[in-house]
Amino acid sequence: MPMTDEEKFSFDLNGFLVRPAILEADEIAAIVEQIDRIKHDPQSLPETERHMPGGAASLLIDHPKVVEVLHEIIGPEVRLEGTFCVWRERGEKHGDLHGGGPGQIDPIFGYRCANGRIHAGMVRVVFELTEVSKEDGATVFIPGSHKANFSMHPDHMKLEDGGRSEFLYSYACPAGSAIFFTENLCHAGPVWQRETPRVAVLNAYAHLATHWHRLTVPSAVIGALPREKQAYFREPWIADFRTAPATHNTVERFLEKGEAPIGTDHEP
């Protein structure tokens, strides 16, 4: 189903949205096994499955309950900008607080809402593959900072106990949940507190007209994807006015023309 009015309200207010348990148990198990082998025994996997978003993780690229949100908050033409997986043991963290405030009001990251439509320049989707509580230390946010008009104050850019910002917020969700947040939101991956690892996949999506990340997905991985998933790696352009009428870079055209996706001649 499309985003509800309450989901739109929540995303606009906070800068993030949780859709719980969108994955089935067997889907979760297959992706967790893949990430375990990527992190600890990559040679046991075929070359096409040693990196995101190949193998079992490919179902995340265009999961219907993800795509319908992306179409609401980015637009109907979406690219997969970048992707990586996380296997975070107790005591490990992934990045300090960053983003938020006017410093990221850039067309690539910038957030605005006008005429009843959300326009989020880049959206990160976190697929939590293990159950997460608010105390575990998954991704944390400063809600509302995606629309802040003043720079992030140093007193609110600390994750450590004793100096931790009172505005920091995390989430609780079952395994298989998707968390959407605008990259304009102040966020971080703090120290993981649980004995069992945090296993997650983080995909970054952007409008088809933009290209921020230098692609790191190996060509073998992209080349092995079904064509409808390769469409999320097509070249970043909207219209070609050398033709009459203008040619538009739609998924349908990509599937019909059989063009190579961007990056298939690239190795990291």
Protein backbone atom coordinates (compact mmCIF):
# COMPACT_ATOMS: atom_id res chain seq x y z
CA MET A 1 0.00 0.00 0.00
CA PRO A 2 1.20 3.59 -0.56
CA MET A 3 2.45 5.75 2.27
CA THR A 4 -0.31 6.63 4.67
CA ASP A 5 -1.03 10.20 5.69
CA GLU A 6 0.37 9.38 9.13
CA GLU A 7 3.62 8.06 7.58
CA LYS A 8 4.00 11.23 5.52
CA PHE A 9 3.37 13.34 8.62
CA SER A 10 5.90 11.33 10.64
CA PHE A 11 8.61 11.45 7.95
CA ASP A 12 8.17 15.18 7.41
CA LEU A 13 8.18 15.88 11.14
CA ASN A 14 11.08 13.65 12.17
CA GLY A 15 13.08 13.02 8.99
CA PHE A 16 12.81 9.25 9.29
CA LEU A 17 10.21 6.49 9.12
CA VAL A 18 10.12 2.87 10.31
CA ARG A 19 8.23 0.22 8.36
CA PRO A 20 8.37 -2.87 10.60
CA ALA A 21 8.81 -6.47 9.45
CA ILE A 22 8.56 -6.07 5.68
CA LEU A 23 10.75 -9.14 5.06
CA GLU A 24 9.85 -12.80 5.52
CA ALA A 25 11.84 -15.05 7.88
CA ASP A 26 13.41 -17.07 5.04
CA GLU A 27 14.44 -13.86 3.23
CA ILE A 28 16.08 -12.53 6.38
CA ALA A 29 17.93 -15.81 7.01
CA ALA A 30 19.31 -15.94 3.46
CA ILE A 31 20.64 -12.37 3.57
CA VAL A 32 22.13 -12.80 7.06
CA GLU A 33 23.95 -15.92 5.87
CA GLN A 34 25.25 -14.04 2.83
CA ILE A 35 26.56 -11.14 4.95
CA ASP A 36 28.15 -13.55 7.44
CA ARG A 37 30.07 -15.16 4.59
CA ILE A 38 30.96 -11.81 2.99
CA LYS A 39 32.47 -10.63 6.27
CA HIS A 40 34.11 -13.89 7.38
CA ASP A 41 34.54 -16.21 4.39
CA PRO A 42 33.97 -14.33 1.10
CA GLN A 43 35.69 -16.98 -1.01
CA SER A 44 32.88 -19.39 -0.13
CA LEU A 45 30.51 -17.27 -2.25
CA PRO A 46 30.34 -16.87 -6.01
CA GLU A 47 31.95 -13.64 -7.22
CA THR A 48 28.53 -12.19 -7.99
CA GLU A 49 27.41 -12.54 -4.35
CA ARG A 50 30.47 -11.21 -2.50
CA HIS A 51 29.21 -7.61 -2.52
CA MET A 52 25.92 -5.86 -2.00
CA PRO A 53 23.43 -5.90 -3.68
CA GLY A 54 24.13 -9.29 -5.29
CA GLY A 55 22.78 -12.66 -4.28
CA ALA A 56 20.02 -12.92 -1.72
CA ALA A 57 20.31 -9.20 -0.92
CA SER A 58 19.17 -8.24 -4.42
CA LEU A 59 15.53 -8.53 -3.35
CA LEU A 60 16.06 -5.36 -1.28
CA ILE A 61 16.81 -3.20 -4.34
CA ASP A 62 13.21 -2.90 -5.47
CA HIS A 63 11.19 -4.38 -2.62
CA PRO A 64 7.60 -3.17 -3.19
CA LYS A 65 7.23 -1.79 0.34
CA VAL A 66 10.41 0.21 -0.17
CA VAL A 67 9.78 1.43 -3.71
CA GLU A 68 6.35 2.81 -2.89
CA VAL A 69 7.88 5.01 -0.17
CA LEU A 70 10.75 6.13 -2.42
CA HIS A 71 8.29 7.13 -5.14
CA GLU A 72 6.48 9.33 -2.61
CA ILE A 73 9.51 11.07 -1.10
CA ILE A 74 11.98 11.15 -4.02
CA GLY A 75 9.83 10.71 -7.12
CA PRO A 76 8.95 8.03 -9.66
CA GLU A 77 12.45 7.90 -11.19
CA VAL A 78 14.92 6.54 -8.64
CA ARG A 79 18.53 5.32 -8.75
CA LEU A 80 20.43 3.16 -6.28
CA GLU A 81 23.34 5.44 -5.39
CA GLY A 82 25.28 3.13 -3.13
CA THR A 83 24.95 0.13 -0.83
CA PHE A 84 26.88 -1.67 1.90
CA CYS A 85 26.30 -4.24 4.61
CA VAL A 86 27.06 -4.12 8.33
CA TRP A 87 28.14 -6.84 10.74
CA ARG A 88 28.76 -4.82 13.89
CA GLU A 89 30.01 -6.60 17.00
CA ARG A 90 29.58 -5.31 20.55
CA GLY A 91 31.79 -2.27 21.13
CA GLU A 92 32.01 -1.29 17.45
CA LYS A 93 30.49 1.84 15.93
CA HIS A 94 29.93 3.18 12.45
CA GLY A 95 30.44 6.92 12.22
CA ASP A 96 29.91 9.98 14.39
CA LEU A 97 26.98 12.37 14.13
CA HIS A 98 26.85 14.20 10.82
CA GLY A 99 24.33 15.97 8.64
CA GLY A 100 21.48 18.21 9.66
CA GLY A 101 21.09 21.97 9.63
CA PRO A 102 21.47 24.33 6.67
CA GLY A 103 24.92 23.00 5.75
CA GLN A 104 23.38 20.17 3.77
CA ILE A 105 20.74 22.17 1.96
CA ASP A 106 22.20 20.98 -1.30
CA PRO A 107 20.06 19.68 -4.18
CA ILE A 108 21.55 16.23 -3.67
CA PHE A 109 20.71 16.04 0.06
CA GLY A 110 18.29 18.90 0.56
CA TYR A 111 14.84 18.37 2.00
CA ARG A 112 11.70 20.35 1.33
CA CYS A 113 7.95 19.90 1.32
CA ALA A 114 5.71 21.93 -1.00
CA ASN A 115 2.18 21.66 -2.37
CA GLY A 116 1.51 18.50 -0.41
CA ARG A 117 4.59 16.69 -1.76
CA ILE A 118 7.78 15.67 0.00
CA HIS A 119 11.02 16.19 -1.93
CA ALA A 120 13.97 14.41 -0.31
CA GLY A 121 17.19 14.65 -2.31
CA MET A 122 18.73 11.41 -1.07
CA VAL A 123 17.16 8.75 1.11
CA ARG A 124 18.98 6.06 3.04
CA VAL A 125 17.11 2.81 3.70
CA VAL A 126 18.39 0.67 6.58
CA PHE A 127 17.27 -2.95 6.46
CA GLU A 128 17.60 -4.24 10.01
CA LEU A 129 18.10 -8.02 9.79
CA THR A 130 18.17 -8.56 13.55
CA GLU A 131 15.75 -7.32 16.18
CA VAL A 132 16.72 -3.89 17.47
CA SER A 133 15.85 -2.12 20.72
CA LYS A 134 16.33 1.56 21.44
CA GLU A 135 19.18 0.75 23.81
CA ASP A 136 21.17 -1.46 21.41
CA GLY A 137 22.97 1.31 19.53
CA ALA A 138 21.68 0.98 15.99
CA THR A 139 21.31 4.18 13.94
CA VAL A 140 20.47 7.29 15.99
CA PHE A 141 18.95 10.56 14.80
CA ILE A 142 18.30 14.11 15.92
CA PRO A 143 14.67 14.33 14.76
CA GLY A 144 13.76 17.47 12.87
CA SER A 145 17.37 18.40 12.13
CA HIS A 146 16.75 17.84 8.41
CA LYS A 147 14.83 21.14 8.44
CA ALA A 148 16.95 23.04 10.98
CA ASN A 149 17.81 26.62 10.03
CA PHE A 150 20.81 26.87 12.33
CA SER A 151 24.02 24.85 12.27
CA MET A 152 24.16 21.82 14.53
CA HIS A 153 25.35 23.01 17.95
CA PRO A 154 28.47 21.23 19.32
CA ASP A 155 26.59 20.37 22.52
CA HIS A 156 24.31 18.14 20.46
CA MET A 157 26.93 16.36 18.38
CA LYS A 158 28.13 13.95 21.06
CA LEU A 159 27.30 10.25 21.43
CA GLU A 160 29.25 9.54 24.62
CA ASP A 161 27.56 8.99 27.98
CA GLY A 162 27.76 12.14 30.06
CA GLY A 163 27.79 14.41 27.04
CA ARG A 164 25.14 12.70 24.94
CA SER A 165 22.64 15.04 23.35
CA GLU A 166 19.21 15.04 24.93
CA PHE A 167 17.71 15.18 21.43
CA LEU A 168 19.17 11.88 20.21
CA TYR A 169 16.58 9.28 19.28
CA SER A 170 16.78 5.69 18.11
CA TYR A 171 14.12 3.12 17.27
CA ALA A 172 12.96 -0.37 18.15
CA CYS A 173 11.90 -2.81 15.45
CA PRO A 174 11.66 -6.52 14.69
CA ALA A 175 14.06 -8.21 12.28
CA GLY A 176 13.25 -7.53 8.65
CA SER A 177 12.23 -3.90 9.15
CA ALA A 178 13.09 -0.96 6.88
CA ILE A 179 14.06 2.45 8.25
CA PHE A 180 13.94 5.35 5.80
CA PHE A 181 15.72 8.63 6.52
CA THR A 182 16.71 11.68 4.55
CA GLU A 183 20.48 12.17 4.34
CA ASN A 184 19.81 15.75 5.42
CA LEU A 185 18.98 14.40 8.90
CA CYS A 186 21.69 14.42 11.58
CA HIS A 187 22.50 10.75 12.22
CA ALA A 188 25.18 8.32 13.40
CA GLY A 189 25.94 4.67 14.04
CA PRO A 190 26.91 4.59 17.74
CA VAL A 191 28.65 1.82 19.69
CA TRP A 192 26.72 -1.43 19.45
CA GLN A 193 25.75 -2.62 22.94
CA ARG A 194 24.36 -6.13 22.45
CA GLU A 195 26.38 -9.35 22.63
CA THR A 196 24.95 -10.62 19.35
CA PRO A 197 25.99 -8.66 16.22
CA ARG A 198 23.94 -6.08 14.41
CA VAL A 199 23.41 -7.24 10.84
CA ALA A 200 22.02 -4.72 8.38
CA VAL A 201 22.07 -3.51 4.79
CA LEU A 202 22.13 0.22 4.02
CA ASN A 203 21.00 1.35 0.56
CA ALA A 204 21.18 4.98 -0.59
CA TYR A 205 18.63 6.07 -3.19
CA ALA A 206 18.53 9.32 -5.14
CA HIS A 207 16.64 10.96 -7.98
CA LEU A 208 17.59 9.70 -11.43
CA ALA A 209 18.92 13.17 -12.35
CA THR A 210 21.64 13.14 -9.67
CA HIS A 211 24.80 11.17 -8.97
CA TRP A 212 26.69 11.72 -5.71
CA HIS A 213 28.54 8.48 -4.89
CA ARG A 214 31.33 7.07 -7.04
CA LEU A 215 30.05 3.58 -7.77
CA THR A 216 31.83 0.80 -5.87
CA VAL A 217 29.65 -2.15 -6.84
CA PRO A 218 31.74 -4.59 -8.95
CA SER A 219 30.63 -5.01 -12.53
CA ALA A 220 30.16 -8.75 -12.06
CA VAL A 221 27.57 -8.10 -9.36
CA ILE A 222 25.57 -5.61 -11.44
CA GLY A 223 25.87 -7.76 -14.54
CA ALA A 224 24.36 -10.76 -12.77
CA LEU A 225 21.25 -8.89 -11.62
CA PRO A 226 17.93 -9.28 -13.46
CA ARG A 227 17.30 -6.45 -15.93
CA GLU A 228 14.56 -4.87 -13.81
CA LYS A 229 17.06 -4.55 -10.94
CA GLN A 230 19.86 -3.33 -13.22
CA ALA A 231 17.50 -0.47 -14.09
CA TYR A 232 18.32 1.04 -10.67
CA PHE A 233 21.90 1.48 -11.93
CA ARG A 234 21.08 3.18 -15.22
CA GLU A 235 22.86 6.37 -16.25
CA PRO A 236 21.85 9.53 -14.32
CA TRP A 237 19.88 11.59 -16.82
CA ILE A 238 16.21 12.41 -17.38
CA ALA A 239 15.81 13.53 -20.99
CA ASP A 240 17.77 13.52 -24.25
CA PHE A 241 16.69 16.49 -26.38
CA ARG A 242 18.78 15.45 -29.36
CA THR A 243 15.80 13.39 -30.42
CA ALA A 244 12.34 14.56 -31.45
CA PRO A 245 10.34 13.94 -29.41
CA ALA A 246 12.77 13.97 -26.50
CA THR A 247 13.88 10.58 -25.20
CA HIS A 248 13.22 9.94 -21.52
CA ASN A 249 15.36 7.67 -19.39
CA THR A 250 12.53 5.48 -18.11
CA VAL A 251 12.70 1.96 -16.76
CA GLU A 252 10.59 0.81 -19.70
CA ARG A 253 13.08 2.28 -22.20
CA PHE A 254 16.01 0.70 -20.34
CA LEU A 255 14.37 -2.72 -20.44
CA GLU A 256 13.42 -2.37 -24.08
CA LYS A 257 16.75 -1.04 -25.39
CA GLY A 258 18.95 -3.49 -23.52
CA GLU A 259 21.57 -0.84 -22.68
CA ALA A 260 24.32 -1.68 -20.21
CA PRO A 261 23.79 -0.18 -16.75
CA ILE A 262 26.30 2.31 -15.44
CA GLY A 263 29.35 0.73 -13.86
CA THR A 264 29.39 -2.59 -15.67
CA ASP A 265 32.87 -1.74 -16.93
CA HIS A 266 33.97 -0.71 -13.41
CA GLU A 267 35.95 -2.60 -10.79
CA PRO A 268 36.47 -1.17 -7.29
